Amino acid sequence: MLTVVCETPGTLLAQDRQKPERAPGETLVRIKRVGVCGTDLHIFNGNQPFLEYPRVMGHEFSGIVEQSEAGSGLVPGDVVYVMPYLSCGDCIACRQGKTNCCVRIQVLGVHRDGAFTEYLSLPHAFVLKANGITLDQAAMIEFLSIGAHAVRRSDIQAEQRALVVGQLRRRLGLLRERRRGEDQRKRGEDRDANGHPFALAERS
């Protein structure tokens, strides 16, 4: 299978690798869509301290179930997205529901090889059905969910003002979540890297 490997900072190689065998408790996913995140750019540029090279990048992705097992709730052909933060489920953070703070966390594309390839075999718990949406949309769930989570934590209320900074895609997610449920028409404006304004969101 075709796999793109970041061999060293600034160097990408196309390799032919063996298709992974599905292990017990795992689902084999055929990758159909994958995004390029700022994290991937940091890895390529050599500015990501939490990994070792060579590394297969990619953690924002969707795909189709190739193989699974009885009881997983997944069957071949299911459209899925993947939670790329593989937590252990047993450490003190996981037991408190703070899986993002898992002491043994394995982030796809950072601590272990990610989705710049054709197939991945992953634990069932991190492979989720993408019912009613397209593969393109499913590949965007990970970064949009960050915005949704931030808005929930902020507990922002109607008519309150908020400053949103950071990567554009994250801001888009935050703005979308901020505007959900509003009764009156809202319009947000942002500027691109050249300072030109453009509409971000509009709700009527």
N, C-alpha and C. Protein backbone atom coordinates (compact mmCIF):
# COMPACT_ATOMS: atom_id res chain seq x y z
N MET A 1 0.85 -1.19 0.00
CA MET A 1 0.00 0.00 0.00
C MET A 1 0.89 1.24 0.00
N LEU A 2 0.41 2.29 -0.67
CA LEU A 2 1.16 3.53 -0.75
C LEU A 2 1.13 4.24 0.60
N THR A 3 2.29 4.65 1.06
CA THR A 3 2.42 5.35 2.34
C THR A 3 3.39 6.51 2.17
N VAL A 4 3.00 7.68 2.67
CA VAL A 4 3.88 8.85 2.62
C VAL A 4 4.53 9.01 3.99
N VAL A 5 5.84 8.99 4.00
CA VAL A 5 6.61 9.01 5.25
C VAL A 5 7.43 10.29 5.33
N CYS A 6 7.36 10.95 6.48
CA CYS A 6 8.28 12.06 6.75
C CYS A 6 9.55 11.45 7.33
N GLU A 7 10.53 11.26 6.49
CA GLU A 7 11.76 10.56 6.87
C GLU A 7 12.58 11.38 7.86
N THR A 8 12.76 12.62 7.53
CA THR A 8 13.44 13.61 8.38
C THR A 8 12.75 14.94 8.11
N PRO A 9 12.97 15.96 8.95
CA PRO A 9 12.36 17.25 8.66
C PRO A 9 12.68 17.72 7.24
N GLY A 10 11.62 18.08 6.52
CA GLY A 10 11.79 18.56 5.15
C GLY A 10 11.85 17.49 4.09
N THR A 11 11.75 16.22 4.47
CA THR A 11 11.87 15.12 3.51
C THR A 11 10.68 14.18 3.59
N LEU A 12 9.93 14.08 2.48
CA LEU A 12 8.83 13.14 2.36
C LEU A 12 9.19 12.05 1.36
N LEU A 13 8.87 10.81 1.72
CA LEU A 13 9.14 9.68 0.84
C LEU A 13 7.85 8.91 0.60
N ALA A 14 7.63 8.47 -0.64
CA ALA A 14 6.53 7.58 -0.96
C ALA A 14 7.05 6.15 -0.89
N GLN A 15 6.46 5.34 -0.02
CA GLN A 15 6.91 3.97 0.18
C GLN A 15 5.77 2.99 -0.08
N ASP A 16 6.14 1.79 -0.49
CA ASP A 16 5.18 0.71 -0.63
C ASP A 16 5.30 -0.17 0.61
N ARG A 17 4.28 -0.14 1.46
CA ARG A 17 4.31 -0.90 2.70
C ARG A 17 3.27 -2.02 2.67
N GLN A 18 3.47 -2.99 3.51
CA GLN A 18 2.52 -4.10 3.59
C GLN A 18 1.24 -3.65 4.28
N LYS A 19 0.12 -4.11 3.76
CA LYS A 19 -1.17 -3.82 4.37
C LYS A 19 -1.23 -4.42 5.76
N PRO A 20 -1.68 -3.66 6.77
CA PRO A 20 -1.68 -4.19 8.14
C PRO A 20 -2.69 -5.32 8.33
N GLU A 21 -2.36 -6.24 9.20
CA GLU A 21 -3.28 -7.30 9.60
C GLU A 21 -4.12 -6.79 10.77
N ARG A 22 -5.41 -7.04 10.71
CA ARG A 22 -6.29 -6.63 11.81
C ARG A 22 -6.04 -7.51 13.02
N ALA A 23 -5.74 -6.89 14.15
CA ALA A 23 -5.53 -7.61 15.41
C ALA A 23 -6.85 -7.77 16.14
N PRO A 24 -6.96 -8.73 17.07
CA PRO A 24 -8.18 -8.84 17.88
C PRO A 24 -8.49 -7.53 18.59
N GLY A 25 -9.77 -7.14 18.58
CA GLY A 25 -10.16 -5.89 19.22
C GLY A 25 -9.98 -4.67 18.34
N GLU A 26 -9.59 -4.90 17.09
CA GLU A 26 -9.35 -3.78 16.19
C GLU A 26 -10.25 -3.84 14.96
N THR A 27 -10.36 -2.70 14.29
CA THR A 27 -11.07 -2.57 13.03
C THR A 27 -10.10 -2.09 11.97
N LEU A 28 -10.12 -2.74 10.83
CA LEU A 28 -9.27 -2.32 9.71
C LEU A 28 -10.03 -1.31 8.87
N VAL A 29 -9.45 -0.12 8.73
CA VAL A 29 -10.09 0.99 8.02
C VAL A 29 -9.30 1.31 6.75
N ARG A 30 -10.04 1.42 5.64
CA ARG A 30 -9.42 1.91 4.41
C ARG A 30 -9.56 3.43 4.40
N ILE A 31 -8.44 4.13 4.38
CA ILE A 31 -8.43 5.59 4.43
C ILE A 31 -8.92 6.15 3.10
N LYS A 32 -9.90 7.05 3.18
CA LYS A 32 -10.45 7.67 1.97
C LYS A 32 -10.21 9.17 1.90
N ARG A 33 -10.17 9.84 3.04
CA ARG A 33 -9.91 11.27 3.09
C ARG A 33 -8.97 11.55 4.25
N VAL A 34 -8.04 12.48 4.04
CA VAL A 34 -7.16 12.88 5.14
C VAL A 34 -6.79 14.35 4.97
N GLY A 35 -6.81 15.07 6.08
CA GLY A 35 -6.48 16.49 6.06
C GLY A 35 -5.02 16.72 6.43
N VAL A 36 -4.54 17.91 6.13
CA VAL A 36 -3.20 18.33 6.53
C VAL A 36 -3.37 19.40 7.60
N CYS A 37 -2.94 19.08 8.80
CA CYS A 37 -3.10 19.95 9.96
C CYS A 37 -1.83 20.77 10.20
N GLY A 38 -1.97 21.79 11.02
CA GLY A 38 -0.78 22.54 11.42
C GLY A 38 0.25 21.66 12.09
N THR A 39 -0.22 20.65 12.82
CA THR A 39 0.71 19.70 13.46
C THR A 39 1.57 19.01 12.41
N ASP A 40 0.94 18.62 11.29
CA ASP A 40 1.70 17.97 10.23
C ASP A 40 2.76 18.89 9.65
N LEU A 41 2.41 20.17 9.51
CA LEU A 41 3.39 21.13 9.01
C LEU A 41 4.55 21.31 9.99
N HIS A 42 4.22 21.29 11.30
CA HIS A 42 5.29 21.37 12.30
C HIS A 42 6.21 20.14 12.21
N ILE A 43 5.62 18.98 12.01
CA ILE A 43 6.43 17.77 11.87
C ILE A 43 7.33 17.88 10.66
N PHE A 44 6.75 18.30 9.54
CA PHE A 44 7.54 18.44 8.31
C PHE A 44 8.67 19.44 8.48
N ASN A 45 8.40 20.52 9.19
CA ASN A 45 9.41 21.57 9.39
C ASN A 45 10.38 21.28 10.52
N GLY A 46 10.12 20.20 11.29
CA GLY A 46 11.03 19.84 12.38
C GLY A 46 10.76 20.58 13.66
N ASN A 47 9.53 21.12 13.83
CA ASN A 47 9.20 21.90 15.02
C ASN A 47 8.25 21.20 15.97
N GLN A 48 8.10 19.90 15.84
CA GLN A 48 7.21 19.14 16.71
C GLN A 48 8.07 18.26 17.62
N PRO A 49 8.12 18.58 18.92
CA PRO A 49 9.06 17.90 19.82
C PRO A 49 8.60 16.53 20.30
N PHE A 50 7.35 16.13 20.02
CA PHE A 50 6.80 14.94 20.65
C PHE A 50 6.80 13.71 19.78
N LEU A 51 7.73 13.61 18.83
CA LEU A 51 7.77 12.43 18.00
C LEU A 51 9.18 12.11 17.57
N GLU A 52 9.34 10.92 17.04
CA GLU A 52 10.61 10.50 16.48
C GLU A 52 10.42 10.24 14.99
N TYR A 53 11.43 10.58 14.21
CA TYR A 53 11.41 10.33 12.77
C TYR A 53 12.03 8.95 12.50
N PRO A 54 11.61 8.29 11.43
CA PRO A 54 10.59 8.68 10.46
C PRO A 54 9.18 8.52 11.04
N ARG A 55 8.22 9.27 10.48
CA ARG A 55 6.85 9.22 10.96
C ARG A 55 5.87 9.37 9.79
N VAL A 56 4.81 8.58 9.82
CA VAL A 56 3.69 8.75 8.89
C VAL A 56 2.71 9.70 9.56
N MET A 57 2.50 10.85 8.96
CA MET A 57 1.65 11.87 9.55
C MET A 57 0.17 11.59 9.25
N GLY A 58 -0.69 12.48 9.73
CA GLY A 58 -2.10 12.40 9.42
C GLY A 58 -2.98 11.94 10.56
N HIS A 59 -3.80 12.84 11.09
CA HIS A 59 -4.71 12.46 12.18
C HIS A 59 -6.13 12.96 11.97
N GLU A 60 -6.37 13.72 10.90
CA GLU A 60 -7.72 14.17 10.57
C GLU A 60 -8.17 13.39 9.34
N PHE A 61 -8.99 12.35 9.56
CA PHE A 61 -9.30 11.50 8.41
C PHE A 61 -10.61 10.74 8.57
N SER A 62 -11.06 10.22 7.45
CA SER A 62 -12.24 9.36 7.42
C SER A 62 -11.95 8.20 6.50
N GLY A 63 -12.81 7.19 6.57
CA GLY A 63 -12.57 6.03 5.73
C GLY A 63 -13.76 5.09 5.74
N ILE A 64 -13.51 3.89 5.24
CA ILE A 64 -14.54 2.86 5.14
C ILE A 64 -14.04 1.60 5.83
N VAL A 65 -14.90 0.99 6.62
CA VAL A 65 -14.51 -0.24 7.32
C VAL A 65 -14.23 -1.35 6.31
N GLU A 66 -13.06 -1.93 6.42
CA GLU A 66 -12.67 -3.06 5.57
C GLU A 66 -12.97 -4.38 6.27
N GLN A 67 -12.58 -4.45 7.55
CA GLN A 67 -12.82 -5.64 8.37
C GLN A 67 -13.06 -5.20 9.80
N SER A 68 -13.92 -5.95 10.48
CA SER A 68 -14.11 -5.75 11.91
C SER A 68 -14.51 -7.08 12.50
N GLU A 69 -15.05 -7.08 13.71
CA GLU A 69 -15.44 -8.34 14.32
C GLU A 69 -16.79 -8.20 15.00
N ALA A 70 -17.43 -9.31 15.23
CA ALA A 70 -18.75 -9.32 15.87
C ALA A 70 -18.68 -8.59 17.21
N GLY A 71 -19.68 -7.78 17.48
CA GLY A 71 -19.72 -7.05 18.74
C GLY A 71 -19.10 -5.67 18.68
N SER A 72 -18.44 -5.34 17.58
CA SER A 72 -17.80 -4.02 17.47
C SER A 72 -18.81 -2.94 17.09
N GLY A 73 -19.96 -3.37 16.54
CA GLY A 73 -20.93 -2.41 16.05
C GLY A 73 -20.59 -1.87 14.68
N LEU A 74 -19.54 -2.41 14.06
CA LEU A 74 -19.08 -1.96 12.76
C LEU A 74 -19.08 -3.12 11.78
N VAL A 75 -19.43 -2.81 10.53
CA VAL A 75 -19.43 -3.85 9.50
C VAL A 75 -18.74 -3.29 8.26
N PRO A 76 -18.22 -4.17 7.42
CA PRO A 76 -17.57 -3.70 6.19
C PRO A 76 -18.49 -2.79 5.39
N GLY A 77 -17.92 -1.67 4.92
CA GLY A 77 -18.68 -0.70 4.16
C GLY A 77 -19.14 0.50 4.95
N ASP A 78 -19.10 0.41 6.28
CA ASP A 78 -19.48 1.56 7.10
C ASP A 78 -18.53 2.73 6.85
N VAL A 79 -19.12 3.93 6.69
CA VAL A 79 -18.32 5.15 6.64
C VAL A 79 -18.00 5.56 8.07
N VAL A 80 -16.73 5.83 8.34
CA VAL A 80 -16.30 6.10 9.72
C VAL A 80 -15.34 7.28 9.78
N TYR A 81 -15.29 7.86 10.97
CA TYR A 81 -14.22 8.79 11.30
C TYR A 81 -13.50 8.21 12.51
N VAL A 82 -12.35 8.76 12.83
CA VAL A 82 -11.51 8.18 13.87
C VAL A 82 -11.13 9.23 14.90
N MET A 83 -11.27 8.88 16.17
CA MET A 83 -10.72 9.69 17.26
C MET A 83 -9.22 9.39 17.29
N PRO A 84 -8.37 10.37 16.94
CA PRO A 84 -6.95 10.06 16.78
C PRO A 84 -6.13 10.05 18.07
N TYR A 85 -6.79 10.33 19.20
CA TYR A 85 -6.07 10.36 20.48
C TYR A 85 -6.33 9.03 21.21
N LEU A 86 -5.43 8.10 21.04
CA LEU A 86 -5.64 6.75 21.56
C LEU A 86 -5.22 6.70 23.02
N SER A 87 -6.19 6.73 23.91
CA SER A 87 -5.92 6.72 25.35
C SER A 87 -5.99 5.29 25.88
N CYS A 88 -5.36 5.07 27.03
CA CYS A 88 -5.23 3.71 27.56
C CYS A 88 -6.49 3.22 28.25
N GLY A 89 -7.26 4.15 28.85
CA GLY A 89 -8.48 3.77 29.56
C GLY A 89 -8.27 3.33 30.99
N ASP A 90 -7.02 3.21 31.43
CA ASP A 90 -6.72 2.65 32.76
C ASP A 90 -6.00 3.60 33.71
N CYS A 91 -5.33 4.62 33.19
CA CYS A 91 -4.52 5.48 34.05
C CYS A 91 -5.41 6.41 34.87
N ILE A 92 -4.81 7.17 35.77
CA ILE A 92 -5.58 8.03 36.66
C ILE A 92 -6.39 9.07 35.89
N ALA A 93 -5.81 9.62 34.81
CA ALA A 93 -6.54 10.61 34.02
C ALA A 93 -7.73 9.98 33.30
N CYS A 94 -7.52 8.83 32.70
CA CYS A 94 -8.59 8.15 31.98
C CYS A 94 -9.73 7.75 32.93
N ARG A 95 -9.38 7.31 34.13
CA ARG A 95 -10.41 6.90 35.10
C ARG A 95 -11.26 8.09 35.54
N GLN A 96 -10.73 9.31 35.41
CA GLN A 96 -11.48 10.52 35.75
C GLN A 96 -12.16 11.13 34.54
N GLY A 97 -12.12 10.42 33.41
CA GLY A 97 -12.76 10.92 32.20
C GLY A 97 -11.96 11.95 31.44
N LYS A 98 -10.71 12.17 31.82
CA LYS A 98 -9.85 13.14 31.15
C LYS A 98 -8.88 12.41 30.23
N THR A 99 -9.46 11.78 29.22
CA THR A 99 -8.66 10.92 28.35
C THR A 99 -7.61 11.70 27.56
N ASN A 100 -7.83 13.01 27.35
CA ASN A 100 -6.83 13.82 26.65
C ASN A 100 -5.56 13.97 27.47
N CYS A 101 -5.64 13.68 28.77
CA CYS A 101 -4.48 13.78 29.66
C CYS A 101 -3.88 12.40 29.96
N CYS A 102 -4.29 11.39 29.22
CA CYS A 102 -3.80 10.03 29.43
C CYS A 102 -2.28 10.02 29.52
N VAL A 103 -1.75 9.32 30.52
CA VAL A 103 -0.30 9.30 30.71
C VAL A 103 0.40 8.43 29.66
N ARG A 104 -0.40 7.62 28.94
CA ARG A 104 0.17 6.76 27.90
C ARG A 104 -0.47 7.06 26.54
N ILE A 105 -0.90 8.28 26.34
CA ILE A 105 -1.61 8.62 25.11
C ILE A 105 -0.74 8.40 23.88
N GLN A 106 -1.39 7.90 22.83
CA GLN A 106 -0.73 7.70 21.55
C GLN A 106 -1.54 8.46 20.50
N VAL A 107 -1.01 9.56 20.02
CA VAL A 107 -1.70 10.36 19.02
C VAL A 107 -1.28 9.86 17.64
N LEU A 108 -2.29 9.53 16.83
CA LEU A 108 -1.99 9.08 15.47
C LEU A 108 -1.27 10.19 14.70
N GLY A 109 -0.25 9.81 13.99
CA GLY A 109 0.52 10.77 13.23
C GLY A 109 1.57 11.50 14.02
N VAL A 110 1.62 11.25 15.33
CA VAL A 110 2.62 11.89 16.19
C VAL A 110 3.41 10.82 16.95
N HIS A 111 2.73 10.12 17.85
CA HIS A 111 3.40 9.07 18.63
C HIS A 111 3.42 7.73 17.89
N ARG A 112 2.46 7.55 16.99
CA ARG A 112 2.44 6.35 16.15
C ARG A 112 1.97 6.74 14.77
N ASP A 113 2.25 5.90 13.80
CA ASP A 113 1.99 6.25 12.41
C ASP A 113 0.52 6.52 12.15
N GLY A 114 0.28 7.56 11.33
CA GLY A 114 -1.07 8.03 11.07
C GLY A 114 -1.59 7.68 9.69
N ALA A 115 -2.40 8.59 9.14
CA ALA A 115 -3.29 8.26 8.03
C ALA A 115 -2.79 8.65 6.64
N PHE A 116 -1.54 9.05 6.50
CA PHE A 116 -1.01 9.27 5.15
C PHE A 116 -0.63 7.93 4.55
N THR A 117 -1.61 7.07 4.47
CA THR A 117 -1.42 5.71 3.99
C THR A 117 -2.78 5.21 3.51
N GLU A 118 -2.87 3.94 3.13
CA GLU A 118 -4.13 3.43 2.59
C GLU A 118 -4.97 2.67 3.61
N TYR A 119 -4.35 2.08 4.62
CA TYR A 119 -5.08 1.30 5.62
C TYR A 119 -4.47 1.52 7.00
N LEU A 120 -5.34 1.52 8.02
CA LEU A 120 -4.91 1.50 9.41
C LEU A 120 -5.79 0.51 10.16
N SER A 121 -5.18 -0.22 11.09
CA SER A 121 -5.93 -1.09 11.99
C SER A 121 -5.93 -0.45 13.37
N LEU A 122 -7.13 -0.17 13.90
CA LEU A 122 -7.25 0.63 15.11
C LEU A 122 -8.23 0.00 16.09
N PRO A 123 -8.07 0.24 17.39
CA PRO A 123 -9.02 -0.28 18.37
C PRO A 123 -10.44 0.19 18.07
N HIS A 124 -11.40 -0.72 18.25
CA HIS A 124 -12.80 -0.42 17.92
C HIS A 124 -13.29 0.88 18.54
N ALA A 125 -12.90 1.13 19.80
CA ALA A 125 -13.46 2.25 20.54
C ALA A 125 -13.17 3.59 19.89
N PHE A 126 -12.15 3.66 19.04
CA PHE A 126 -11.75 4.93 18.44
C PHE A 126 -12.22 5.07 17.00
N VAL A 127 -12.96 4.07 16.52
CA VAL A 127 -13.51 4.09 15.16
C VAL A 127 -15.02 4.28 15.28
N LEU A 128 -15.54 5.37 14.74
CA LEU A 128 -16.92 5.76 14.96
C LEU A 128 -17.68 5.93 13.65
N LYS A 129 -18.92 5.48 13.63
CA LYS A 129 -19.73 5.61 12.43
C LYS A 129 -20.01 7.08 12.12
N ALA A 130 -19.96 7.40 10.83
CA ALA A 130 -20.26 8.76 10.37
C ALA A 130 -21.59 8.73 9.65
N ASN A 131 -22.64 8.48 10.39
CA ASN A 131 -23.96 8.33 9.78
C ASN A 131 -24.47 9.66 9.22
N GLY A 132 -24.97 9.62 7.99
CA GLY A 132 -25.65 10.77 7.42
C GLY A 132 -24.77 11.89 6.91
N ILE A 133 -23.46 11.68 6.89
CA ILE A 133 -22.56 12.71 6.36
C ILE A 133 -21.61 12.08 5.35
N THR A 134 -20.97 12.93 4.58
CA THR A 134 -20.06 12.45 3.55
C THR A 134 -18.67 12.15 4.13
N LEU A 135 -17.85 11.49 3.32
CA LEU A 135 -16.47 11.26 3.73
C LEU A 135 -15.72 12.57 3.94
N ASP A 136 -15.97 13.54 3.06
CA ASP A 136 -15.33 14.85 3.22
C ASP A 136 -15.70 15.47 4.56
N GLN A 137 -16.97 15.44 4.88
CA GLN A 137 -17.43 16.03 6.14
C GLN A 137 -16.87 15.27 7.34
N ALA A 138 -16.85 13.95 7.24
CA ALA A 138 -16.36 13.13 8.35
C ALA A 138 -14.90 13.42 8.66
N ALA A 139 -14.12 13.73 7.64
CA ALA A 139 -12.70 14.02 7.86
C ALA A 139 -12.48 15.32 8.60
N MET A 140 -13.52 16.17 8.69
CA MET A 140 -13.40 17.46 9.38
C MET A 140 -13.92 17.42 10.81
N ILE A 141 -14.42 16.29 11.25
CA ILE A 141 -15.01 16.22 12.58
C ILE A 141 -14.00 16.53 13.67
N GLU A 142 -12.79 16.02 13.54
CA GLU A 142 -11.80 16.19 14.62
C GLU A 142 -11.52 17.65 14.91
N PHE A 143 -11.22 18.44 13.89
CA PHE A 143 -10.85 19.83 14.19
C PHE A 143 -12.07 20.69 14.51
N LEU A 144 -13.23 20.39 13.92
CA LEU A 144 -14.42 21.15 14.28
C LEU A 144 -14.87 20.85 15.72
N SER A 145 -14.64 19.62 16.17
CA SER A 145 -15.03 19.26 17.53
C SER A 145 -14.23 20.04 18.57
N ILE A 146 -13.03 20.47 18.20
CA ILE A 146 -12.23 21.28 19.12
C ILE A 146 -12.94 22.61 19.39
N GLY A 147 -13.47 23.22 18.32
CA GLY A 147 -14.23 24.45 18.50
C GLY A 147 -15.47 24.24 19.34
N ALA A 148 -16.20 23.14 19.07
CA ALA A 148 -17.42 22.85 19.83
C ALA A 148 -17.09 22.65 21.31
N HIS A 149 -16.01 21.94 21.59
CA HIS A 149 -15.61 21.68 22.98
C HIS A 149 -15.23 22.99 23.68
N ALA A 150 -14.51 23.85 22.98
CA ALA A 150 -14.09 25.12 23.59
C ALA A 150 -15.31 25.99 23.93
N VAL A 151 -16.30 26.03 23.03
CA VAL A 151 -17.49 26.83 23.29
C VAL A 151 -18.26 26.27 24.48
N ARG A 152 -18.39 24.96 24.57
CA ARG A 152 -19.08 24.37 25.72
C ARG A 152 -18.37 24.71 27.02
N ARG A 153 -17.06 24.63 27.02
CA ARG A 153 -16.30 24.94 28.24
C ARG A 153 -16.41 26.41 28.62
N SER A 154 -16.52 27.29 27.62
CA SER A 154 -16.57 28.72 27.90
C SER A 154 -17.89 29.13 28.54
N ASP A 155 -18.95 28.36 28.28
CA ASP A 155 -20.30 28.68 28.77
C ASP A 155 -20.72 30.08 28.35
N ILE A 156 -20.31 30.48 27.15
CA ILE A 156 -20.65 31.82 26.66
C ILE A 156 -22.16 31.91 26.44
N GLN A 157 -22.71 33.09 26.73
CA GLN A 157 -24.14 33.30 26.63
C GLN A 157 -24.46 34.29 25.51
N ALA A 158 -25.73 34.31 25.12
CA ALA A 158 -26.18 35.23 24.07
C ALA A 158 -25.84 36.68 24.44
N GLU A 159 -25.41 37.44 23.44
CA GLU A 159 -25.06 38.85 23.54
C GLU A 159 -23.70 39.09 24.19
N GLN A 160 -23.04 38.06 24.69
CA GLN A 160 -21.69 38.25 25.21
C GLN A 160 -20.70 38.30 24.05
N ARG A 161 -19.59 39.00 24.27
CA ARG A 161 -18.55 39.11 23.25
C ARG A 161 -17.43 38.14 23.58
N ALA A 162 -16.77 37.66 22.53
CA ALA A 162 -15.67 36.72 22.72
C ALA A 162 -14.56 37.02 21.72
N LEU A 163 -13.34 36.85 22.15
CA LEU A 163 -12.18 36.98 21.27
C LEU A 163 -11.74 35.59 20.88
N VAL A 164 -11.67 35.33 19.58
CA VAL A 164 -11.27 34.01 19.08
C VAL A 164 -9.98 34.17 18.30
N VAL A 165 -8.92 33.48 18.72
CA VAL A 165 -7.63 33.57 18.06
C VAL A 165 -7.16 32.17 17.70
N GLY A 166 -6.15 32.09 16.84
CA GLY A 166 -5.60 30.78 16.48
C GLY A 166 -5.77 30.48 15.01
N GLN A 167 -5.60 29.21 14.67
CA GLN A 167 -5.68 28.80 13.28
C GLN A 167 -7.09 29.06 12.73
N LEU A 168 -7.15 29.40 11.44
CA LEU A 168 -8.42 29.75 10.81
C LEU A 168 -9.45 28.66 10.95
N ARG A 169 -9.08 27.41 10.71
CA ARG A 169 -10.07 26.33 10.78
C ARG A 169 -10.64 26.21 12.18
N ARG A 170 -9.79 26.40 13.19
CA ARG A 170 -10.28 26.36 14.56
C ARG A 170 -11.25 27.51 14.81
N ARG A 171 -10.90 28.71 14.29
CA ARG A 171 -11.78 29.86 14.47
C ARG A 171 -13.12 29.63 13.80
N LEU A 172 -13.08 29.04 12.60
CA LEU A 172 -14.34 28.74 11.92
C LEU A 172 -15.21 27.83 12.76
N GLY A 173 -14.59 26.82 13.36
CA GLY A 173 -15.35 25.91 14.21
C GLY A 173 -15.94 26.62 15.42
N LEU A 174 -15.15 27.49 16.02
CA LEU A 174 -15.64 28.25 17.18
C LEU A 174 -16.79 29.17 16.80
N LEU A 175 -16.63 29.85 15.68
CA LEU A 175 -17.69 30.76 15.26
C LEU A 175 -18.97 30.01 14.92
N ARG A 176 -18.81 28.87 14.27
CA ARG A 176 -20.00 28.08 13.93
C ARG A 176 -20.73 27.66 15.19
N GLU A 177 -20.00 27.17 16.17
CA GLU A 177 -20.63 26.74 17.42
C GLU A 177 -21.23 27.92 18.18
N ARG A 178 -20.53 29.04 18.15
CA ARG A 178 -21.01 30.23 18.86
C ARG A 178 -22.37 30.68 18.30
N ARG A 179 -22.54 30.52 16.99
CA ARG A 179 -23.75 31.03 16.35
C ARG A 179 -24.90 30.03 16.36
N ARG A 180 -24.64 28.81 16.74
CA ARG A 180 -25.72 27.81 16.75
C ARG A 180 -26.79 28.24 17.75
N GLY A 181 -28.03 28.15 17.34
CA GLY A 181 -29.13 28.44 18.24
C GLY A 181 -29.52 29.90 18.33
N GLU A 182 -28.77 30.79 17.68
CA GLU A 182 -29.13 32.20 17.73
C GLU A 182 -30.35 32.45 16.85
N ASP A 183 -31.23 33.31 17.30
CA ASP A 183 -32.49 33.56 16.59
C ASP A 183 -32.36 34.61 15.51
N GLN A 184 -31.47 35.57 15.69
CA GLN A 184 -31.38 36.64 14.71
C GLN A 184 -30.18 36.43 13.81
N ARG A 185 -30.24 37.09 12.67
CA ARG A 185 -29.18 36.93 11.68
C ARG A 185 -27.87 37.48 12.21
N LYS A 186 -26.82 36.68 12.03
CA LYS A 186 -25.49 37.11 12.46
C LYS A 186 -24.54 36.96 11.28
N ARG A 187 -23.55 37.80 11.25
CA ARG A 187 -22.55 37.68 10.20
C ARG A 187 -21.19 37.95 10.80
N GLY A 188 -20.23 37.06 10.51
CA GLY A 188 -18.88 37.23 11.02
C GLY A 188 -17.93 37.54 9.88
N GLU A 189 -16.92 38.32 10.15
CA GLU A 189 -15.95 38.65 9.13
C GLU A 189 -14.56 38.43 9.68
N ASP A 190 -13.67 37.91 8.82
CA ASP A 190 -12.28 37.71 9.19
C ASP A 190 -11.43 38.16 8.01
N ARG A 191 -10.14 38.14 8.16
CA ARG A 191 -9.26 38.56 7.08
C ARG A 191 -8.25 37.46 6.80
N ASP A 192 -7.89 37.34 5.52
CA ASP A 192 -6.92 36.33 5.14
C ASP A 192 -5.51 36.82 5.43
N ALA A 193 -4.51 36.03 5.02
CA ALA A 193 -3.13 36.36 5.33
C ALA A 193 -2.68 37.67 4.70
N ASN A 194 -3.39 38.12 3.66
CA ASN A 194 -3.05 39.37 3.00
C ASN A 194 -3.85 40.56 3.51
N GLY A 195 -4.66 40.31 4.52
CA GLY A 195 -5.46 41.39 5.11
C GLY A 195 -6.77 41.66 4.42
N HIS A 196 -7.14 40.81 3.47
CA HIS A 196 -8.40 41.02 2.75
C HIS A 196 -9.56 40.41 3.52
N PRO A 197 -10.65 41.16 3.70
CA PRO A 197 -11.78 40.62 4.45
C PRO A 197 -12.55 39.59 3.65
N PHE A 198 -13.12 38.60 4.35
CA PHE A 198 -14.01 37.66 3.71
C PHE A 198 -15.00 37.15 4.74
N ALA A 199 -16.17 36.76 4.25
CA ALA A 199 -17.22 36.30 5.15
C ALA A 199 -16.89 34.92 5.67
N LEU A 200 -17.08 34.73 6.98
CA LEU A 200 -16.83 33.42 7.59
C LEU A 200 -18.12 32.63 7.74
N ALA A 201 -19.15 33.29 8.20
CA ALA A 201 -20.37 32.55 8.51
C ALA A 201 -21.56 33.47 8.38
N GLU A 202 -22.67 32.88 8.02
CA GLU A 202 -23.89 33.66 7.92
C GLU A 202 -25.07 32.77 8.30
N ARG A 203 -25.91 33.28 9.18
CA ARG A 203 -27.06 32.49 9.62
C ARG A 203 -28.30 33.36 9.58
N SER A 204 -29.37 32.85 9.03
CA SER A 204 -30.59 33.64 8.97
C SER A 204 -31.69 32.93 9.74
